[in-house]
Protein backbone atom coordinates (compact mmCIF):
# COMPACT_ATOMS: atom_id res chain seq x y z
CA UNK A 1 21.12 -3.22 14.34
CA UNK A 2 23.05 -0.36 12.78
CA UNK A 3 22.18 -1.75 9.35
CA UNK A 4 18.47 -1.69 10.22
CA UNK A 5 18.73 1.89 11.48
CA UNK A 6 20.55 2.82 8.28
CA UNK A 7 17.62 1.43 6.27
CA UNK A 8 14.72 2.92 8.23
CA UNK A 9 16.15 6.31 9.25
CA UNK A 10 16.42 7.82 5.72
CA UNK A 11 12.80 6.84 5.09
CA UNK A 12 11.50 8.71 8.10
CA UNK A 13 13.88 11.65 7.53
CA UNK A 14 12.29 12.11 4.08
CA UNK A 15 8.84 11.98 5.66
CA UNK A 16 9.87 14.50 8.36
CA UNK A 17 11.24 16.82 5.68
CA UNK A 18 7.90 16.67 3.87
CA UNK A 19 6.04 17.27 7.12
CA UNK A 20 8.22 20.24 8.09
CA UNK A 21 8.07 21.76 4.60
CA UNK A 22 4.29 21.94 4.86
CA UNK A 23 4.21 22.72 8.60
CA UNK A 24 6.41 25.84 8.28
CA UNK A 25 4.58 26.77 5.04
CA UNK A 26 7.68 26.41 2.88
CA UNK A 27 5.37 24.34 0.70
CA UNK A 28 1.64 25.27 0.68
CA UNK A 29 -0.47 22.40 1.99
CA UNK A 30 -2.72 22.47 -1.06
CA UNK A 31 0.24 21.61 -3.31
CA UNK A 32 0.63 18.18 -1.66
CA UNK A 33 -2.34 16.90 -3.64
CA UNK A 34 -0.66 18.05 -6.86
CA UNK A 35 2.67 16.50 -5.88
CA UNK A 36 0.98 13.21 -5.07
CA UNK A 37 -0.54 13.18 -8.55
CA UNK A 38 2.94 13.63 -10.05
CA UNK A 39 4.02 10.51 -8.17
CA UNK A 40 0.83 8.61 -8.98
CA UNK A 41 0.65 9.50 -12.67
CA UNK A 42 4.30 9.95 -13.71
CA UNK A 43 7.21 8.88 -11.51
CA UNK A 44 5.83 5.67 -9.97
CA UNK A 45 4.21 4.30 -13.16
CA UNK A 46 7.50 4.98 -14.98
CA UNK A 47 9.40 3.05 -12.30
CA UNK A 48 6.96 0.13 -12.36
CA UNK A 49 6.75 -0.10 -16.15
CA UNK A 50 10.49 0.21 -16.85
CA UNK A 51 11.39 -2.34 -14.16
CA UNK A 52 8.82 -4.95 -15.20
CA UNK A 53 9.51 -4.49 -18.92
CA UNK A 54 13.12 -5.61 -18.36
CA UNK A 55 12.09 -8.80 -16.53
CA UNK A 56 11.08 -12.18 -17.91
CA UNK A 57 7.34 -12.89 -17.74
CA UNK A 58 7.70 -15.84 -15.34
CA UNK A 59 9.59 -13.52 -12.96
CA UNK A 60 6.81 -10.90 -13.07
CA UNK A 61 3.79 -13.19 -12.57
CA UNK A 62 4.26 -15.96 -10.01
CA UNK A 63 0.90 -17.70 -9.32
CA UNK A 64 1.94 -18.98 -5.87
CA UNK A 65 2.82 -15.44 -4.78
CA UNK A 66 -0.47 -14.03 -6.08
CA UNK A 67 -2.36 -16.69 -4.12
CA UNK A 68 -0.24 -16.09 -1.01
CA UNK A 69 -0.72 -12.34 -0.96
CA UNK A 70 -4.40 -12.59 -1.87
CA UNK A 71 -5.25 -15.18 0.81
CA UNK A 72 -3.13 -13.48 3.48
CA UNK A 73 -4.71 -10.07 2.78
CA UNK A 74 -8.26 -11.43 2.65
CA UNK A 75 -7.76 -13.26 5.94
CA UNK A 76 -6.55 -10.01 7.49
CA UNK A 77 -9.53 -8.09 6.10
CA UNK A 78 -12.12 -10.55 7.36
CA UNK A 79 -10.43 -11.18 10.74
CA UNK A 80 -10.41 -7.44 11.38
CA UNK A 81 -14.01 -7.08 10.23
CA UNK A 82 -15.20 -10.09 12.26
CA UNK A 83 -13.54 -9.02 15.54
CA UNK A 84 -14.79 -5.45 15.16
CA UNK A 85 -18.40 -6.58 14.58
CA UNK A 86 -18.64 -9.45 17.06
CA UNK A 87 -16.27 -8.49 19.88
CA UNK A 88 -16.12 -4.68 19.68
CA UNK A 89 -19.79 -4.39 18.61
CA UNK A 90 -19.11 -1.82 15.87
CA UNK A 91 -21.22 -1.30 12.75
CA UNK A 92 -20.49 -3.24 9.57
CA UNK A 93 -19.44 -0.03 7.80
CA UNK A 94 -16.96 0.96 10.51
CA UNK A 95 -15.71 -2.62 10.81
CA UNK A 96 -15.14 -2.90 7.05
CA UNK A 97 -13.11 0.32 7.11
CA UNK A 98 -11.00 -1.16 9.90
CA UNK A 99 -10.49 -4.39 8.01
CA UNK A 100 -9.51 -2.42 4.90
CA UNK A 101 -7.01 -0.40 6.93
CA UNK A 102 -5.42 -3.62 8.12
CA UNK A 103 -5.32 -5.41 4.75
CA UNK A 104 -4.28 -2.72 2.25
CA UNK A 105 -0.74 -1.34 2.38
CA UNK A 106 0.67 1.96 1.18
CA UNK A 107 2.62 0.06 -1.45
CA UNK A 108 3.27 2.99 -3.78
CA UNK A 109 4.37 5.71 -1.37
CA UNK A 110 5.90 3.67 1.46
CA UNK A 111 6.54 -0.01 0.73
CA UNK A 112 8.54 0.41 -2.46
CA UNK A 113 10.96 3.04 -1.05
CA UNK A 114 11.55 0.74 1.94
CA UNK A 115 12.11 -2.21 -0.40
CA UNK A 116 14.68 -0.28 -2.43
CA UNK A 117 16.71 0.33 0.71
CA UNK A 118 16.19 -3.07 2.33
CA UNK A 119 17.17 -5.30 -0.60
CA UNK A 120 20.32 -5.31 -2.69
CA UNK A 121 18.14 -6.74 -5.51
CA UNK A 122 14.60 -5.49 -4.76
CA UNK A 123 11.85 -8.03 -5.61
CA UNK A 124 9.95 -5.64 -7.87
CA UNK A 125 7.69 -8.49 -9.01
CA UNK A 126 6.39 -8.83 -5.44
CA UNK A 127 5.53 -5.14 -5.44
CA UNK A 128 3.77 -5.38 -8.81
CA UNK A 129 1.76 -8.46 -7.86
CA UNK A 130 0.82 -6.94 -4.49
CA UNK A 131 -0.47 -3.87 -6.34
CA UNK A 132 -2.61 -6.14 -8.50
CA UNK A 133 -4.11 -7.92 -5.47
CA UNK A 134 -4.69 -4.69 -3.52
CA UNK A 135 -6.31 -2.80 -6.40
CA UNK A 136 -8.19 -5.62 -8.11
CA UNK A 137 -9.30 -7.71 -5.13
CA UNK A 138 -9.03 -6.13 -1.66
CA UNK A 139 -10.18 -2.59 -2.49
CA UNK A 140 -13.11 -3.64 -4.73
CA UNK A 141 -14.24 -6.23 -2.18
CA UNK A 142 -14.14 -3.66 0.64
CA UNK A 143 -15.94 -1.04 -1.45
CA UNK A 144 -18.72 -3.48 -2.31
CA UNK A 145 -19.24 -4.31 1.38
CA UNK A 146 -19.10 -0.61 2.32
CA UNK A 147 -21.61 0.39 -0.34
CA UNK A 148 -23.94 -2.46 0.59
CA UNK A 149 -23.78 -1.71 4.33
CA UNK A 150 -23.81 2.11 4.40
CA UNK A 151 -26.76 4.41 3.89
CA UNK A 152 -25.12 5.80 0.74
CA UNK A 153 -25.35 2.34 -0.78
CA UNK A 154 -29.10 1.89 -0.29
CA UNK A 155 -30.95 1.49 -3.55
CA UNK A 156 -27.76 1.14 -5.60
CA UNK A 157 -28.01 -1.73 -8.07
CA UNK A 158 -25.25 -4.37 -7.71
CA UNK A 159 -24.42 -4.19 -11.43
CA UNK A 160 -23.93 -0.41 -11.23
CA UNK A 161 -21.82 -0.81 -8.09
CA UNK A 162 -19.51 -3.34 -9.77
CA UNK A 163 -19.34 -1.17 -12.92
CA UNK A 164 -18.27 1.85 -10.87
CA UNK A 165 -15.54 -0.13 -9.10
CA UNK A 166 -14.23 -1.64 -12.35
CA UNK A 167 -14.24 1.76 -14.08
CA UNK A 168 -12.09 3.13 -11.25
CA UNK A 169 -9.65 0.23 -11.61
CA UNK A 170 -9.28 0.61 -15.38
CA UNK A 171 -8.30 4.27 -14.92
CA UNK A 172 -5.76 3.53 -12.16
CA UNK A 173 -2.33 4.58 -13.54
CA UNK A 174 -0.51 1.99 -11.42
CA UNK A 175 -2.64 -0.83 -12.82
CA UNK A 176 -2.02 0.52 -16.33
CA UNK A 177 1.73 0.58 -15.64
CA UNK A 178 1.70 -2.99 -14.30
CA UNK A 179 -0.33 -4.20 -17.31
CA UNK A 180 1.96 -2.39 -19.75
CA UNK A 181 5.07 -3.72 -18.05
CA UNK A 182 3.77 -7.29 -18.12
CA UNK A 183 2.90 -7.00 -21.83
CA UNK A 184 6.31 -5.50 -22.66
CA UNK A 185 7.98 -8.31 -20.74
CA UNK A 186 5.86 -10.98 -22.43
CA UNK A 187 6.53 -9.77 -25.97
CA UNK A 188 10.13 -8.63 -25.28
CA UNK A 189 9.43 -5.10 -26.49
CA UNK A 190 12.38 -2.71 -26.78
CA UNK A 191 11.66 0.95 -26.17
CA UNK A 192 13.30 3.78 -28.15
CA UNK A 193 16.39 5.14 -26.37
CA UNK A 194 14.77 8.55 -25.78
CA UNK A 195 11.69 7.04 -24.12
CA UNK A 196 13.84 4.72 -22.04
CA UNK A 197 15.91 7.66 -20.83
CA UNK A 198 12.78 9.60 -19.85
CA UNK A 199 11.53 6.61 -17.87
CA UNK A 200 14.86 6.33 -16.06
CA UNK A 201 14.78 10.03 -15.14
CA UNK A 202 11.20 9.81 -13.84
CA UNK A 203 11.94 6.59 -11.94
CA UNK A 204 14.83 8.17 -10.06
CA UNK A 205 12.53 10.75 -8.49
CA UNK A 206 9.81 8.32 -7.44
CA UNK A 207 10.85 7.01 -4.00
CA UNK A 208 12.11 10.33 -2.60
CA UNK A 209 9.14 12.37 -3.79
CA UNK A 210 6.67 9.74 -2.58
CA UNK A 211 8.05 9.86 0.98
CA UNK A 212 8.10 13.66 1.06
CA UNK A 213 4.49 13.77 -0.12
CA UNK A 214 3.50 11.16 2.48
CA UNK A 215 5.08 13.24 5.26
CA UNK A 216 3.43 16.43 4.05
CA UNK A 217 0.02 14.77 3.94
CA UNK A 218 0.19 14.09 7.71
CA UNK A 219 0.17 17.82 8.57
CA UNK A 220 -3.05 18.78 10.30
CA UNK A 221 -3.87 15.24 11.40
CA UNK A 222 -4.90 15.04 15.05
CA UNK A 223 -5.79 12.14 17.31
CA UNK A 224 -9.56 11.76 17.52
CA UNK A 225 -11.36 8.54 18.31
CA UNK A 226 -11.40 5.60 20.69
CA UNK A 227 -7.84 4.56 21.64
CA UNK A 228 -8.93 0.90 21.59
CA UNK A 229 -10.12 1.17 17.99
CA UNK A 230 -6.99 3.00 16.85
CA UNK A 231 -4.67 0.51 18.56
CA UNK A 232 -6.66 -2.43 17.19
CA UNK A 233 -6.27 -1.33 13.56
CA UNK A 234 -2.63 -0.27 13.97
CA UNK A 235 -1.73 -3.69 15.41
CA UNK A 236 -3.74 -5.43 12.72
CA UNK A 237 -1.90 -3.58 9.97
CA UNK A 238 1.65 -3.72 11.31
CA UNK A 239 1.54 -7.17 12.94
CA UNK A 240 -1.43 -9.25 11.77
CA UNK A 241 -1.12 -8.54 8.03
CA UNK A 242 2.58 -9.49 7.67
CA UNK A 243 1.99 -12.46 9.97
CA UNK A 244 -0.85 -13.74 7.74
CA UNK A 245 1.34 -13.39 4.64
CA UNK A 246 4.15 -15.29 6.38
CA UNK A 247 1.81 -18.10 7.53
CA UNK A 248 0.23 -18.57 4.10
CA UNK A 249 3.66 -18.45 2.41
CA UNK A 250 4.86 -21.19 4.79
CA UNK A 251 1.96 -23.41 3.70
CA UNK A 252 2.51 -22.80 -0.02
CA UNK A 253 4.91 -24.69 -2.34
CA UNK A 254 8.47 -23.41 -2.48
CA UNK A 255 8.74 -19.77 -3.45
CA UNK A 256 11.71 -17.53 -4.05
CA UNK A 257 12.89 -16.30 -0.64
CA UNK A 258 13.14 -12.69 -1.82
CA UNK A 259 9.52 -12.78 -3.02
CA UNK A 260 8.31 -14.04 0.35
CA UNK A 261 10.33 -11.45 2.28
CA UNK A 262 9.17 -8.75 -0.12
CA UNK A 263 5.53 -9.68 0.47
CA UNK A 264 5.99 -9.65 4.24
CA UNK A 265 7.68 -6.25 4.07
CA UNK A 266 4.93 -4.79 1.86
CA UNK A 267 2.30 -6.06 4.32
CA UNK A 268 4.23 -4.56 7.25
CA UNK A 269 3.99 -0.90 6.17
CA UNK A 270 1.10 1.43 7.12
CA UNK A 271 -2.16 1.61 5.20
CA UNK A 272 -2.60 3.73 2.07
CA UNK A 273 -2.42 7.51 2.51
CA UNK A 274 -5.93 7.99 1.05
CA UNK A 275 -7.40 5.97 3.94
CA UNK A 276 -8.91 9.06 5.64
CA UNK A 277 -10.42 10.15 2.30
CA UNK A 278 -12.14 6.78 1.95
CA UNK A 279 -13.28 7.00 5.57
CA UNK A 280 -14.69 10.46 4.93
CA UNK A 281 -17.12 9.03 2.36
CA UNK A 282 -18.73 6.99 5.14
CA UNK A 283 -18.48 9.48 8.03
CA UNK A 284 -15.26 8.21 9.65
CA UNK A 285 -12.60 10.66 8.44
CA UNK A 286 -11.34 11.64 11.93
CA UNK A 287 -11.04 8.03 13.07
CA UNK A 288 -9.26 6.94 9.87
CA UNK A 289 -6.89 9.94 9.98
CA UNK A 290 -6.00 9.14 13.61
CA UNK A 291 -5.41 5.48 12.72
CA UNK A 292 -3.14 6.48 9.83
CA UNK A 293 -1.09 8.83 12.01
CA UNK A 294 -0.59 6.32 14.85
CA UNK A 295 0.16 3.46 12.46
CA UNK A 296 2.74 5.53 10.56
CA UNK A 297 4.52 6.57 13.77
CA UNK A 298 4.42 3.02 15.20
CA UNK A 299 5.82 1.59 11.96
CA UNK A 300 9.22 3.11 12.75
CA UNK A 301 9.55 0.53 15.54
CA UNK A 302 7.73 -2.41 13.94
CA UNK A 303 9.58 -2.10 10.62
CA UNK A 304 12.91 -2.16 12.44
CA UNK A 305 11.84 -5.36 14.24
CA UNK A 306 10.58 -7.04 11.04
CA UNK A 307 13.71 -6.08 9.10
CA UNK A 308 15.80 -7.54 11.91
CA UNK A 309 13.82 -10.81 11.81
CA UNK A 310 14.12 -10.95 8.03
CA UNK A 311 17.90 -10.67 8.25
CA UNK A 312 17.99 -13.48 10.80
CA UNK A 313 15.78 -15.78 8.69
């Protein structure tokens, strides 16, 4: 148990430091957006690219893992959407946002820092492949449903909708980093020493800065919305999503144990930090912000439980 506490406590201390820095105005709240862009465009892509470039291609792309994470995440998305529409009688737009909150993890700012602390040899390939599934399957699928179901999507041609989604993906720095890392691994490219050193320096700042930014972004978030809805999505994200990944992995052919555990851990962290921003586009910012806050706080307990189970497995 002390080992689990030693893993989770530094993560939440970094988040608390970020929260307090913004709360006491040591760091202006409007700088959090700029800091998050530093993580998104510099430190995290450097970490992803440099790590993948040093791996063999068959270690970076494992088809059984891609299928496992894709199927597990899609099941989570559609289970959440189905229950919200049929049982809770919510609109398709609101239900899709709930399903998205359950099925898309904060891989960049939360999952990877946790993985670095939880594993002696972090399964970076699991992180990279999860990013691919989240950004090239789950998010586009959710956006297409949202655009088709919301008033803002009326009259929008399907071809234009798909073009807009694909354009967003192509510009995503994390997807570019994953693609570049896979290509470098495939062709065994060796970077100049100076470039390699720069990547190492940027990579070292990634996890810490990401957690501080995540904590700072929670300042100003208040609880607004139906407690049943908030609890439903929080449980779906922290319990249902990792459970679906575990079930699908059990049914798949033999996979590296570290990859499976990495996928479960990635699925067990809260949803992406831009969740309220996405919700705002469809009139649900307050609900999504409340869900993010509750899920993040609850993850302190659920992550400790999942890490304990992983160590017993």
